[in-house]
């Protein structure tokens, strides 16, 4: 198991991209599979048969959680997932280590499970991701909220029609776009959907409502240049 330089209670920005920056998802079903892996693989228990069964289900109603099967043992999460974003060729996660080695165990399950799914579905072999995942701890008192806005707002803005420059010009419309993008946690954070994936932890207290969060995101993106603030904690 990969040994990391952080401990229980630390917040960690985890990210990776496709091998040679190639896609890691090819259609909507792949994206839903990734979300379901976030939900069901974040658990110390392991049952390959049970996971295969739940993974075979079709996509869920966006407004309902990915329910935990009653026949399974009660969940024992490896990490807290505070935020997530999935793009065609990369992903971002904001995690909190809650058990020793939890981030490493979870990322191994996520990487192995999703790579196996993609290789079988598309008759591929070899690695899906560009090496091992990258992990950075937020720096300074504002590092955590800035990382959160980077994952939940800046990244979906890059998918806005016209790209990031257009999104910044149309901030209100682009923010609504991010809220409705199903493969980013922003909508789940503020009640537009409930998939049972995230636990906002201290960020719930920092941003008690959508208005406060949107104001912070506007300041972070429009005034302070969030990429310069975060430096090497971003993917180019």
Protein backbone atom coordinates (compact mmCIF):
# COMPACT_ATOMS: atom_id res chain seq x y z
CA UNK A 1 0.00 0.00 0.00
CA UNK A 2 1.24 3.47 -0.86
CA UNK A 3 2.54 5.33 2.20
CA UNK A 4 1.53 8.99 2.34
CA UNK A 5 2.99 11.92 4.30
CA UNK A 6 -0.27 12.78 6.04
CA UNK A 7 -2.32 11.42 8.87
CA UNK A 8 -5.83 11.09 10.24
CA UNK A 9 -7.63 14.43 10.13
CA UNK A 10 -5.73 15.80 7.12
CA UNK A 11 -7.54 17.11 4.05
CA UNK A 12 -6.05 15.97 0.75
CA UNK A 13 -6.54 17.10 -2.84
CA UNK A 14 -6.26 13.98 -5.02
CA UNK A 15 -6.21 14.09 -8.81
CA UNK A 16 -5.10 12.18 -11.86
CA UNK A 17 -5.53 12.18 -15.62
CA UNK A 18 -5.67 9.60 -18.35
CA UNK A 19 -2.57 7.86 -19.59
CA UNK A 20 -0.96 10.17 -22.18
CA UNK A 21 -3.86 12.50 -21.28
CA UNK A 22 -6.27 10.22 -23.14
CA UNK A 23 -9.92 9.94 -22.00
CA UNK A 24 -10.80 8.01 -18.87
CA UNK A 25 -14.53 8.06 -19.70
CA UNK A 26 -16.19 7.71 -23.08
CA UNK A 27 -19.93 8.01 -22.46
CA UNK A 28 -22.53 8.85 -19.82
CA UNK A 29 -22.64 5.30 -18.48
CA UNK A 30 -18.90 5.45 -17.75
CA UNK A 31 -19.43 8.66 -15.79
CA UNK A 32 -22.26 7.13 -13.77
CA UNK A 33 -20.08 4.11 -13.07
CA UNK A 34 -17.40 6.43 -11.67
CA UNK A 35 -19.96 8.07 -9.36
CA UNK A 36 -21.20 4.71 -8.13
CA UNK A 37 -17.63 3.60 -7.42
CA UNK A 38 -17.14 6.75 -5.34
CA UNK A 39 -20.23 5.81 -3.33
CA UNK A 40 -19.86 2.07 -2.89
CA UNK A 41 -16.09 1.54 -2.86
CA UNK A 42 -15.59 4.00 -0.01
CA UNK A 43 -15.90 1.20 2.51
CA UNK A 44 -13.55 -1.02 4.51
CA UNK A 45 -15.67 -4.07 3.73
CA UNK A 46 -15.06 -5.80 0.42
CA UNK A 47 -17.39 -8.06 -1.53
CA UNK A 48 -16.63 -8.37 -5.23
CA UNK A 49 -19.89 -10.16 -5.93
CA UNK A 50 -21.94 -7.49 -4.17
CA UNK A 51 -20.05 -4.71 -5.92
CA UNK A 52 -20.60 -6.34 -9.31
CA UNK A 53 -24.30 -6.62 -8.60
CA UNK A 54 -24.75 -3.00 -7.55
CA UNK A 55 -22.54 -1.77 -10.40
CA UNK A 56 -24.80 -3.52 -12.91
CA UNK A 57 -27.79 -1.38 -11.94
CA UNK A 58 -28.81 1.40 -14.28
CA UNK A 59 -28.36 5.04 -13.38
CA UNK A 60 -30.40 6.36 -10.46
CA UNK A 61 -32.81 9.25 -10.14
CA UNK A 62 -30.58 12.30 -9.64
CA UNK A 63 -32.65 13.48 -6.68
CA UNK A 64 -32.34 10.19 -4.79
CA UNK A 65 -29.29 8.78 -3.03
CA UNK A 66 -27.37 5.72 -4.10
CA UNK A 67 -29.01 3.58 -1.44
CA UNK A 68 -26.89 1.25 0.68
CA UNK A 69 -28.29 -2.31 0.26
CA UNK A 70 -29.92 -3.59 3.44
CA UNK A 71 -28.21 -6.96 3.00
CA UNK A 72 -24.74 -5.38 3.25
CA UNK A 73 -22.87 -4.72 6.50
CA UNK A 74 -23.16 -1.14 7.73
CA UNK A 75 -20.72 1.07 5.80
CA UNK A 76 -17.30 1.75 7.29
CA UNK A 77 -15.95 4.63 5.17
CA UNK A 78 -12.24 4.81 4.37
CA UNK A 79 -12.35 8.57 3.75
CA UNK A 80 -14.69 11.52 3.75
CA UNK A 81 -15.33 12.78 0.22
CA UNK A 82 -15.89 16.51 0.51
CA UNK A 83 -15.93 17.34 -3.21
CA UNK A 84 -15.44 15.72 -6.60
CA UNK A 85 -15.30 16.57 -10.28
CA UNK A 86 -15.03 14.29 -13.30
CA UNK A 87 -14.00 15.50 -16.74
CA UNK A 88 -13.35 13.45 -19.88
CA UNK A 89 -9.66 12.87 -19.19
CA UNK A 90 -9.12 13.68 -15.52
CA UNK A 91 -10.70 13.87 -12.09
CA UNK A 92 -10.36 15.79 -8.83
CA UNK A 93 -11.27 14.68 -5.32
CA UNK A 94 -11.11 16.53 -2.01
CA UNK A 95 -10.76 13.88 0.68
CA UNK A 96 -10.28 13.70 4.42
CA UNK A 97 -8.22 10.89 5.94
CA UNK A 98 -10.38 9.33 8.69
CA UNK A 99 -8.67 5.94 9.16
CA UNK A 100 -4.97 5.16 8.87
CA UNK A 101 -4.12 4.63 5.22
CA UNK A 102 -7.69 5.37 4.19
CA UNK A 103 -6.84 7.60 1.22
CA UNK A 104 -4.39 5.07 -0.20
CA UNK A 105 -6.83 2.16 0.24
CA UNK A 106 -9.69 4.10 -1.29
CA UNK A 107 -7.65 5.30 -4.26
CA UNK A 108 -6.42 1.77 -4.96
CA UNK A 109 -10.00 0.48 -4.96
CA UNK A 110 -11.12 3.37 -7.17
CA UNK A 111 -8.21 2.98 -9.60
CA UNK A 112 -8.34 -0.81 -9.87
CA UNK A 113 -12.13 -0.95 -10.06
CA UNK A 114 -12.54 1.73 -12.70
CA UNK A 115 -9.59 0.59 -14.81
CA UNK A 116 -10.95 -2.95 -14.80
CA UNK A 117 -14.38 -1.71 -15.87
CA UNK A 118 -13.01 0.38 -18.75
CA UNK A 119 -10.65 -2.36 -19.98
CA UNK A 120 -13.41 -4.97 -20.03
CA UNK A 121 -16.02 -2.70 -21.61
CA UNK A 122 -13.75 -1.43 -24.38
CA UNK A 123 -11.57 -4.54 -24.82
CA UNK A 124 -8.45 -2.71 -23.69
CA UNK A 125 -5.41 -3.72 -21.66
CA UNK A 126 -2.93 -1.82 -19.54
CA UNK A 127 -3.23 1.19 -17.34
CA UNK A 128 -5.92 3.79 -17.66
CA UNK A 129 -4.34 6.56 -15.60
CA UNK A 130 -1.10 8.47 -16.03
CA UNK A 131 0.80 6.74 -13.25
CA UNK A 132 -0.17 6.91 -9.62
CA UNK A 133 -2.56 9.56 -8.36
CA UNK A 134 -1.22 12.91 -7.20
CA UNK A 135 -1.97 14.10 -3.68
CA UNK A 136 -1.50 17.58 -2.21
CA UNK A 137 -2.37 19.02 1.18
CA UNK A 138 -3.97 22.49 1.15
CA UNK A 139 -1.65 25.23 2.36
CA UNK A 140 -2.56 28.15 4.59
CA UNK A 141 -5.84 28.98 6.29
CA UNK A 142 -7.61 29.57 2.95
CA UNK A 143 -6.15 26.58 1.14
CA UNK A 144 -9.09 24.27 1.85
CA UNK A 145 -11.93 26.55 0.66
CA UNK A 146 -9.92 27.61 -2.40
CA UNK A 147 -9.35 23.98 -3.35
CA UNK A 148 -13.04 23.34 -2.91
CA UNK A 149 -13.98 26.19 -5.24
CA UNK A 150 -11.36 25.05 -7.73
CA UNK A 151 -12.88 21.55 -7.84
CA UNK A 152 -16.57 22.48 -7.70
CA UNK A 153 -16.64 25.70 -9.75
CA UNK A 154 -13.47 26.32 -11.78
CA UNK A 155 -13.35 22.81 -13.25
CA UNK A 156 -16.97 22.68 -14.46
CA UNK A 157 -16.49 26.22 -15.79
CA UNK A 158 -13.90 24.74 -18.16
CA UNK A 159 -16.71 22.60 -19.62
CA UNK A 160 -19.03 25.58 -20.12
CA UNK A 161 -19.84 26.27 -23.80
CA UNK A 162 -17.10 28.63 -24.94
CA UNK A 163 -14.67 27.53 -22.25
CA UNK A 164 -13.37 29.18 -19.09
CA UNK A 165 -13.08 32.69 -20.58
CA UNK A 166 -16.71 32.65 -21.65
CA UNK A 167 -17.74 31.20 -18.28
CA UNK A 168 -16.05 34.00 -16.39
CA UNK A 169 -17.83 36.58 -18.55
CA UNK A 170 -21.15 34.80 -17.94
CA UNK A 171 -20.48 34.02 -14.28
CA UNK A 172 -24.11 33.68 -13.14
CA UNK A 173 -25.09 31.42 -16.06
CA UNK A 174 -21.89 29.40 -15.73
CA UNK A 175 -22.44 28.93 -12.00
CA UNK A 176 -25.91 27.56 -12.73
CA UNK A 177 -24.32 25.28 -15.33
CA UNK A 178 -21.92 23.97 -12.67
CA UNK A 179 -24.81 23.40 -10.25
CA UNK A 180 -26.56 21.26 -12.86
CA UNK A 181 -23.51 19.34 -14.08
CA UNK A 182 -24.20 15.86 -12.64
CA UNK A 183 -20.59 14.70 -12.43
CA UNK A 184 -19.45 17.44 -10.06
CA UNK A 185 -20.40 17.67 -6.39
CA UNK A 186 -21.61 21.30 -6.42
CA UNK A 187 -25.25 20.35 -6.97
CA UNK A 188 -25.03 17.69 -4.28
CA UNK A 189 -23.43 20.19 -1.90
CA UNK A 190 -26.44 22.49 -2.10
CA UNK A 191 -29.30 20.03 -2.33
CA UNK A 192 -30.03 19.83 -6.06
CA UNK A 193 -29.24 16.10 -5.85
CA UNK A 194 -28.52 13.61 -3.13
CA UNK A 195 -26.35 10.68 -4.14
CA UNK A 196 -24.99 9.97 -0.67
CA UNK A 197 -21.38 10.46 -1.81
CA UNK A 198 -20.17 13.57 -0.02
CA UNK A 199 -19.65 14.64 3.58
CA UNK A 200 -18.84 18.35 3.69
CA UNK A 201 -17.30 18.27 7.17
CA UNK A 202 -15.94 21.73 8.12
CA UNK A 203 -16.89 23.19 4.73
CA UNK A 204 -20.53 22.97 5.76
CA UNK A 205 -19.80 25.51 8.50
CA UNK A 206 -17.65 27.71 6.24
CA UNK A 207 -20.38 27.92 3.60
CA UNK A 208 -23.79 27.44 5.24
CA UNK A 209 -25.75 28.43 2.14
CA UNK A 210 -25.46 28.75 -1.61
CA UNK A 211 -25.36 32.57 -1.58
CA UNK A 212 -22.25 32.63 0.64
CA UNK A 213 -20.53 30.01 -1.46
CA UNK A 214 -21.29 31.74 -4.75
CA UNK A 215 -19.91 35.03 -3.39
CA UNK A 216 -16.72 33.26 -2.29
CA UNK A 217 -16.39 31.52 -5.66
CA UNK A 218 -16.85 34.82 -7.50
CA UNK A 219 -14.07 36.40 -5.45
CA UNK A 220 -11.79 33.38 -5.90
CA UNK A 221 -12.21 33.16 -9.66
CA UNK A 222 -12.86 36.72 -10.75
CA UNK A 223 -10.66 38.73 -8.40
CA UNK A 224 -7.91 36.54 -6.95
CA UNK A 225 -7.09 34.15 -9.84
CA UNK A 226 -7.60 30.84 -8.12
CA UNK A 227 -4.96 29.00 -10.17
CA UNK A 228 -2.21 31.37 -9.05
CA UNK A 229 -3.34 31.01 -5.43
CA UNK A 230 -3.23 27.22 -5.58
CA UNK A 231 -0.09 26.91 -7.69
CA UNK A 232 1.01 23.30 -8.22
CA UNK A 233 -2.19 21.85 -6.75
CA UNK A 234 -3.88 22.12 -10.15
CA UNK A 235 -3.77 20.14 -13.38
CA UNK A 236 -2.64 22.05 -16.48
